[in-house]
Amino acid sequence: MRSRAEIQRSEEQQNKMAPSPKGVVVTVPMLVLSVASAAIFLFFLISSLSSCPCSNTAITVNDQAFQRSTDRISATSEDIAWLKDQIHQNNLQMQQNILRKGINPRTRAQQLEDLNQFKGISHYKEDEWNNHTALPCPSELLVEEHHSNYGEPWAGGRDVFEFLADSVKLRPESRVLEIGCGTLRVGLHFIRYLNPEHFHCLERDELSLMAAFRYELPSQGLLNKRPLIVRGEDMEFSRFGSGILYDLIYASAVFLHMPDKLVWIGLERLVTRLKPYEGRIFVSHNVKFCSRLKGDECTKRLAALGLEYVQKRTHDSLLFNHYEIWHEFRRSKV
């Protein structure tokens, strides 16, 4: 007869040899590792799912911030401070523009001579030299001689744009008409900002129009904006069609070169093209066509056209010591 100890040892051996219900021996360390792995996976899964709305929100906020930055037109004090800081951080000082490594300064006259003498800069030879340019541009325009047509720096065009755009709270869907846009010193900025076909201009000078069409619009990448620029004079606006109401009509240094009678004819034709009440006409420098009339005759003539004088305004240049005077009119009745 076996002893109690022998029977107990026999049972323990049988238990070790017997398979688990599924045929797999699961140890405690393996079970702990499996549970830990599942917990970690679940943690990252939940974190990933919960972060999705936050990510979308961040994108929306950034898009809104970008939209605000594109809506802003004039430079802010923060913008100017940032620019000055960049110049300071890079320790930049104005230097004389002379020949140096990798830089060969050429005057406009020298560039023009090179272009005319060599028929370009670097190009195909002999019969092939002129076959690879989609919009061949006259040399005089390529060296930007027309940028010196205004008696002040070309950069002043941006100042005019910012002043007028801020004054009328310009939006991309606004419509603008310029009387005498010249080579688009101001107009380029309007064309770039406005929706396609929303900038119109009447200009009489042929060379200025050539510079606008053959150099400025292509070189600035604005051909897709399709501005309506019409060659004409005597304040004739029939080619702009009917049914369009402008948010802004402006004439920069134009009316002072025209006979008073023609200015009044122009205003009479323009008033029905201006949005009532909200639309604005801006005239730069002076309004001698008005001031030369006696007493309150100017006010009466304006009222008869459905216009009223709003105020005299000025603005400063961002880049050079200059300010400009503007006179503001509005359409006072439908």
Protein backbone atom coordinates (compact mmCIF):
# COMPACT_ATOMS: atom_id res chain seq x y z
CA MET A 1 0.00 0.00 0.00
CA ARG A 2 1.42 3.44 -1.06
CA SER A 3 2.06 6.09 1.47
CA ARG A 4 0.30 9.46 1.50
CA ALA A 5 3.50 11.17 0.23
CA GLU A 6 3.80 8.79 -2.74
CA ILE A 7 0.18 9.37 -3.74
CA GLN A 8 0.67 13.20 -3.58
CA ARG A 9 3.82 13.02 -5.76
CA SER A 10 1.97 10.87 -8.30
CA GLU A 11 -0.87 13.42 -8.58
CA GLU A 12 1.55 16.31 -9.06
CA GLN A 13 3.30 14.47 -11.92
CA GLN A 14 -0.05 13.79 -13.61
CA ASN A 15 -1.02 17.44 -13.34
CA LYS A 16 2.22 18.54 -15.02
CA MET A 17 1.75 16.10 -17.87
CA ALA A 18 -1.90 16.94 -18.46
CA PRO A 19 -2.47 19.51 -21.29
CA SER A 20 -4.27 22.80 -20.69
CA PRO A 21 -7.79 23.16 -22.10
CA LYS A 22 -6.40 24.61 -25.39
CA GLY A 23 -3.21 22.65 -25.47
CA VAL A 24 -1.02 25.68 -24.59
CA VAL A 25 0.73 26.32 -21.32
CA VAL A 26 0.26 30.04 -20.47
CA THR A 27 2.77 31.31 -17.95
CA VAL A 28 2.20 34.33 -15.75
CA PRO A 29 4.98 36.50 -17.31
CA MET A 30 3.57 35.92 -20.81
CA LEU A 31 0.10 36.87 -19.67
CA VAL A 32 1.38 40.11 -18.13
CA LEU A 33 3.31 41.01 -21.30
CA SER A 34 0.25 40.41 -23.47
CA VAL A 35 -1.96 42.62 -21.32
CA ALA A 36 0.67 45.40 -21.29
CA SER A 37 1.02 45.31 -25.10
CA ALA A 38 -2.72 45.53 -25.57
CA ALA A 39 -2.92 48.46 -23.17
CA ILE A 40 -0.16 50.37 -25.01
CA PHE A 41 -1.82 49.77 -28.40
CA LEU A 42 -5.16 50.93 -27.06
CA PHE A 43 -3.57 54.08 -25.60
CA PHE A 44 -2.02 55.14 -28.93
CA LEU A 45 -5.20 54.32 -30.82
CA ILE A 46 -7.32 56.48 -28.53
CA SER A 47 -4.74 59.29 -28.63
CA SER A 48 -4.69 59.22 -32.41
CA LEU A 49 -8.46 59.33 -32.69
CA SER A 50 -8.86 62.09 -30.14
CA SER A 51 -6.21 64.25 -31.81
CA CYS A 52 -8.00 64.38 -35.15
CA PRO A 53 -10.45 67.19 -34.27
CA CYS A 54 -7.63 69.25 -32.79
CA SER A 55 -5.58 68.86 -35.95
CA ASN A 56 -8.51 69.98 -38.10
CA THR A 57 -9.09 72.92 -35.80
CA ALA A 58 -5.44 73.96 -36.10
CA ILE A 59 -5.64 73.87 -39.88
CA THR A 60 -8.80 76.00 -39.81
CA VAL A 61 -7.17 78.56 -37.53
CA ASN A 62 -4.09 78.74 -39.72
CA ASP A 63 -6.25 79.15 -42.81
CA GLN A 64 -8.12 81.98 -41.11
CA ALA A 65 -4.85 83.64 -40.13
CA PHE A 66 -3.62 83.36 -43.73
CA GLN A 67 -6.90 84.84 -44.98
CA ARG A 68 -6.51 87.79 -42.62
CA SER A 69 -2.95 88.36 -43.82
CA THR A 70 -4.10 88.41 -47.45
CA ASP A 71 -6.93 90.82 -46.61
CA ARG A 72 -4.50 93.31 -45.11
CA ILE A 73 -3.13 95.75 -47.67
CA SER A 74 -0.95 98.35 -45.94
CA ALA A 75 2.12 97.50 -43.88
CA THR A 76 1.56 97.57 -40.12
CA SER A 77 3.92 98.90 -37.46
CA GLU A 78 4.73 95.27 -36.63
CA ASP A 79 5.70 94.64 -40.27
CA ILE A 80 8.03 97.63 -40.29
CA ALA A 81 9.58 96.64 -36.95
CA TRP A 82 10.20 93.13 -38.27
CA LEU A 83 11.91 94.46 -41.40
CA LYS A 84 14.18 96.80 -39.43
CA ASP A 85 15.08 93.95 -37.12
CA GLN A 86 16.05 91.74 -40.09
CA ILE A 87 18.36 94.48 -41.40
CA HIS A 88 19.87 94.85 -37.93
CA GLN A 89 20.28 91.10 -37.36
CA ASN A 90 22.12 90.77 -40.68
CA ASN A 91 24.24 93.87 -39.94
CA LEU A 92 23.40 95.41 -43.32
CA GLN A 93 24.68 98.80 -44.48
CA MET A 94 24.13 100.56 -47.80
CA GLN A 95 27.18 100.13 -50.06
CA GLN A 96 28.38 101.60 -53.32
CA ASN A 97 27.12 99.55 -56.26
CA ILE A 98 30.39 98.80 -58.07
CA LEU A 99 31.87 95.83 -59.93
CA ARG A 100 32.48 92.94 -57.53
CA LYS A 101 32.63 89.17 -57.57
CA GLY A 102 29.58 87.76 -59.29
CA ILE A 103 27.97 91.21 -59.78
CA ASN A 104 28.40 93.44 -62.82
CA PRO A 105 26.34 96.64 -62.40
CA ARG A 106 25.09 98.13 -65.67
CA THR A 107 23.21 101.34 -66.19
CA ARG A 108 20.02 101.31 -68.24
CA ALA A 109 21.90 102.94 -71.09
CA GLN A 110 24.55 100.21 -70.98
CA GLN A 111 21.94 97.46 -70.83
CA LEU A 112 20.12 98.98 -73.79
CA GLU A 113 23.36 99.14 -75.79
CA ASP A 114 24.08 95.49 -75.02
CA LEU A 115 20.58 94.38 -76.01
CA ASN A 116 20.64 96.31 -79.29
CA GLN A 117 24.18 95.32 -80.23
CA PHE A 118 23.92 91.62 -79.44
CA LYS A 119 20.22 91.17 -80.17
CA GLY A 120 19.70 89.85 -76.66
CA ILE A 121 21.88 88.52 -73.90
CA SER A 122 22.55 84.83 -74.52
CA HIS A 123 20.64 83.24 -77.38
CA TYR A 124 20.60 80.87 -80.31
CA LYS A 125 22.86 81.72 -83.23
CA GLU A 126 22.23 82.86 -86.78
CA ASP A 127 18.77 82.09 -88.19
CA GLU A 128 17.51 80.62 -84.91
CA TRP A 129 18.22 83.59 -82.66
CA ASN A 130 14.69 85.06 -82.68
CA ASN A 131 12.62 81.87 -82.86
CA HIS A 132 12.37 81.03 -79.19
CA THR A 133 10.68 84.03 -77.58
CA ALA A 134 6.92 83.92 -77.27
CA LEU A 135 6.51 87.65 -76.58
CA PRO A 136 9.54 89.52 -77.94
CA CYS A 137 9.74 92.79 -76.04
CA PRO A 138 11.38 96.03 -77.27
CA SER A 139 14.75 96.67 -75.63
CA GLU A 140 13.68 100.07 -74.29
CA LEU A 141 10.96 98.36 -72.27
CA LEU A 142 13.21 95.55 -71.05
CA VAL A 143 15.56 98.04 -69.38
CA GLU A 144 12.52 99.73 -67.78
CA GLU A 145 13.13 103.24 -69.07
CA HIS A 146 9.39 103.87 -68.59
CA HIS A 147 9.82 103.53 -64.83
CA SER A 148 11.35 107.01 -64.89
CA ASN A 149 8.36 108.70 -66.52
CA TYR A 150 6.73 110.01 -63.35
CA GLY A 151 9.10 112.47 -61.72
CA GLU A 152 9.19 110.32 -58.60
CA PRO A 153 10.23 106.75 -57.75
CA TRP A 154 8.31 103.89 -59.32
CA ALA A 155 7.69 102.57 -55.80
CA GLY A 156 5.23 105.44 -55.25
CA GLY A 157 2.64 103.43 -57.16
CA ARG A 158 2.31 101.09 -54.20
CA ASP A 159 1.66 104.05 -51.89
CA VAL A 160 -1.23 105.24 -54.06
CA PHE A 161 -2.71 101.75 -54.21
CA GLU A 162 -2.60 101.28 -50.44
CA PHE A 163 -4.14 104.68 -49.75
CA LEU A 164 -7.01 104.25 -52.19
CA ALA A 165 -7.65 100.60 -51.33
CA ASP A 166 -7.83 101.36 -47.61
CA SER A 167 -10.02 104.43 -48.23
CA VAL A 168 -12.75 102.44 -50.00
CA LYS A 169 -12.26 99.19 -48.03
CA LEU A 170 -11.36 97.44 -51.25
CA ARG A 171 -12.21 93.75 -51.67
CA PRO A 172 -11.10 91.35 -54.43
CA GLU A 173 -14.62 91.46 -55.87
CA SER A 174 -14.59 95.29 -56.08
CA ARG A 175 -14.47 97.02 -59.47
CA VAL A 176 -12.00 99.80 -60.20
CA LEU A 177 -11.62 102.27 -63.07
CA GLU A 178 -8.48 104.36 -63.49
CA ILE A 179 -8.42 107.44 -65.70
CA GLY A 180 -4.92 107.52 -67.19
CA CYS A 181 -3.23 104.37 -65.92
CA GLY A 182 -0.07 104.98 -67.96
CA THR A 183 2.42 102.11 -67.64
CA LEU A 184 0.48 100.64 -64.69
CA ARG A 185 2.68 102.03 -61.94
CA VAL A 186 -0.43 102.00 -59.70
CA GLY A 187 -2.62 99.70 -61.73
CA LEU A 188 -0.36 96.65 -61.34
CA HIS A 189 -1.19 96.50 -57.63
CA PHE A 190 -4.92 96.74 -58.26
CA ILE A 191 -4.77 94.10 -61.00
CA ARG A 192 -2.88 91.71 -58.74
CA TYR A 193 -5.34 92.18 -55.85
CA LEU A 194 -8.66 92.24 -57.71
CA ASN A 195 -10.52 89.38 -59.32
CA PRO A 196 -9.89 88.87 -63.06
CA GLU A 197 -11.42 91.52 -65.34
CA HIS A 198 -12.27 93.81 -62.41
CA PHE A 199 -9.68 96.50 -63.25
CA HIS A 200 -10.48 98.89 -66.09
CA CYS A 201 -8.44 101.78 -67.47
CA LEU A 202 -8.65 104.53 -70.07
CA GLU A 203 -5.24 105.71 -71.36
CA ARG A 204 -4.33 107.91 -74.34
CA ASP A 205 -0.51 107.52 -74.51
CA GLU A 206 0.52 104.78 -76.95
CA LEU A 207 4.04 104.19 -75.60
CA SER A 208 2.70 103.85 -72.06
CA LEU A 209 0.21 101.25 -73.28
CA MET A 210 2.97 99.36 -75.07
CA ALA A 211 4.94 99.24 -71.83
CA ALA A 212 1.86 98.04 -69.95
CA PHE A 213 0.94 95.29 -72.42
CA ARG A 214 4.33 94.12 -73.66
CA TYR A 215 6.37 94.35 -70.46
CA GLU A 216 4.55 94.99 -67.20
CA LEU A 217 1.66 92.51 -67.45
CA PRO A 218 3.79 89.60 -68.77
CA SER A 219 6.76 90.22 -66.47
CA GLN A 220 4.52 90.47 -63.41
CA GLY A 221 2.64 87.28 -64.27
CA LEU A 222 -0.69 89.11 -64.57
CA LEU A 223 -1.88 88.13 -68.02
CA ASN A 224 -4.42 85.79 -66.44
CA LYS A 225 -6.09 88.74 -64.69
CA ARG A 226 -7.36 90.09 -68.04
CA PRO A 227 -7.60 93.81 -67.17
CA LEU A 228 -9.66 95.88 -69.60
CA ILE A 229 -7.28 98.62 -70.76
CA VAL A 230 -8.61 100.84 -73.52
CA ARG A 231 -6.76 103.37 -75.66
CA GLY A 232 -8.84 106.49 -75.91
CA GLU A 233 -9.21 110.12 -74.97
CA ASP A 234 -11.80 112.84 -74.52
CA MET A 235 -13.25 110.91 -71.55
CA GLU A 236 -15.03 108.40 -73.74
CA PHE A 237 -16.05 105.31 -71.75
CA SER A 238 -18.44 103.52 -74.13
CA ARG A 239 -16.02 100.65 -74.73
CA PHE A 240 -16.29 99.61 -71.09
CA GLY A 241 -19.85 98.50 -71.69
CA SER A 242 -22.92 99.24 -69.62
CA GLY A 243 -24.34 97.86 -66.42
CA ILE A 244 -21.04 97.93 -64.48
CA LEU A 245 -20.93 100.04 -61.32
CA TYR A 246 -17.49 100.87 -59.97
CA ASP A 247 -16.54 100.92 -56.30
CA LEU A 248 -13.63 103.22 -57.08
CA ILE A 249 -12.80 105.62 -59.91
CA TYR A 250 -9.57 107.56 -59.62
CA ALA A 251 -7.36 109.91 -61.62
CA SER A 252 -3.78 110.45 -60.46
CA ALA A 253 -2.22 113.65 -61.82
CA VAL A 254 -4.56 113.60 -64.83
CA PHE A 255 -7.30 116.19 -64.42
CA LEU A 256 -4.79 118.99 -63.82
CA HIS A 257 -3.55 118.48 -67.41
CA MET A 258 -7.03 118.62 -68.95
CA PRO A 259 -9.25 121.56 -69.89
CA ASP A 260 -11.93 122.22 -67.25
CA LYS A 261 -14.69 121.69 -69.78
CA LEU A 262 -13.44 118.17 -70.56
CA VAL A 263 -13.19 117.31 -66.85
CA TRP A 264 -16.83 118.23 -66.33
CA ILE A 265 -17.84 116.19 -69.37
CA GLY A 266 -15.96 113.27 -67.91
CA LEU A 267 -17.62 113.60 -64.49
CA GLU A 268 -21.03 113.69 -66.13
CA ARG A 269 -20.27 110.42 -67.93
CA LEU A 270 -18.71 108.80 -64.89
CA VAL A 271 -21.39 109.49 -62.30
CA THR A 272 -23.78 106.87 -63.64
CA ARG A 273 -20.96 104.31 -63.55
CA LEU A 274 -20.23 104.87 -59.86
CA LYS A 275 -21.98 102.95 -57.09
CA PRO A 276 -24.43 105.29 -55.30
CA TYR A 277 -23.38 106.44 -51.82
CA GLU A 278 -20.63 103.85 -51.26
CA GLY A 279 -18.64 104.36 -54.46
CA ARG A 280 -15.89 106.99 -54.54
CA ILE A 281 -14.11 109.18 -57.08
CA PHE A 282 -10.61 110.30 -56.06
CA VAL A 283 -8.76 113.10 -57.85
CA SER A 284 -5.13 113.87 -56.97
CA HIS A 285 -3.27 117.14 -56.49
CA ASN A 286 -5.96 119.77 -57.01
CA VAL A 287 -9.49 120.41 -58.21
CA LYS A 288 -8.96 123.65 -60.08
CA PHE A 289 -11.80 122.70 -62.39
CA CYS A 290 -13.90 123.40 -59.31
CA SER A 291 -12.00 126.16 -57.54
CA ARG A 292 -11.91 128.32 -60.66
CA LEU A 293 -15.70 128.61 -60.51
CA LYS A 294 -17.07 131.52 -58.49
CA GLY A 295 -18.91 131.24 -55.16
CA ASP A 296 -20.82 128.02 -54.67
CA GLU A 297 -21.08 127.35 -58.38
CA CYS A 298 -18.95 124.21 -58.09
CA THR A 299 -21.21 122.72 -55.40
CA LYS A 300 -24.25 123.44 -57.54
CA ARG A 301 -22.74 121.87 -60.63
CA LEU A 302 -21.70 118.78 -58.70
CA ALA A 303 -25.18 118.47 -57.19
CA ALA A 304 -26.75 118.76 -60.62
CA LEU A 305 -24.66 115.75 -61.68
CA GLY A 306 -25.57 113.82 -58.54
CA LEU A 307 -22.12 114.22 -56.98
CA GLU A 308 -20.92 115.81 -53.76
CA TYR A 309 -17.49 116.74 -52.49
CA VAL A 310 -16.57 114.71 -49.41
CA GLN A 311 -13.16 115.88 -48.20
CA LYS A 312 -9.52 116.60 -48.90
CA ARG A 313 -7.11 113.87 -47.83
CA THR A 314 -3.35 113.24 -47.85
CA HIS A 315 -1.12 110.22 -47.53
CA ASP A 316 2.61 109.67 -46.98
CA SER A 317 4.99 107.46 -48.89
CA LEU A 318 6.39 104.38 -47.19
CA LEU A 319 9.82 104.50 -48.82
CA PHE A 320 10.66 108.14 -49.60
CA ASN A 321 9.90 111.59 -48.25
CA HIS A 322 6.73 112.49 -50.09
CA TYR A 323 3.05 113.05 -49.48
CA GLU A 324 0.19 113.39 -51.92
CA ILE A 325 -3.09 115.30 -51.84
CA TRP A 326 -6.36 113.66 -52.88
CA HIS A 327 -9.88 115.01 -53.22
CA GLU A 328 -12.77 112.65 -52.55
CA PHE A 329 -16.21 112.70 -54.19
CA ARG A 330 -19.21 110.41 -53.91
CA ARG A 331 -22.44 109.82 -55.78
CA SER A 332 -25.09 111.41 -53.61
CA LYS A 333 -28.21 110.02 -55.27
CA VAL A 334 -29.36 107.20 -57.50
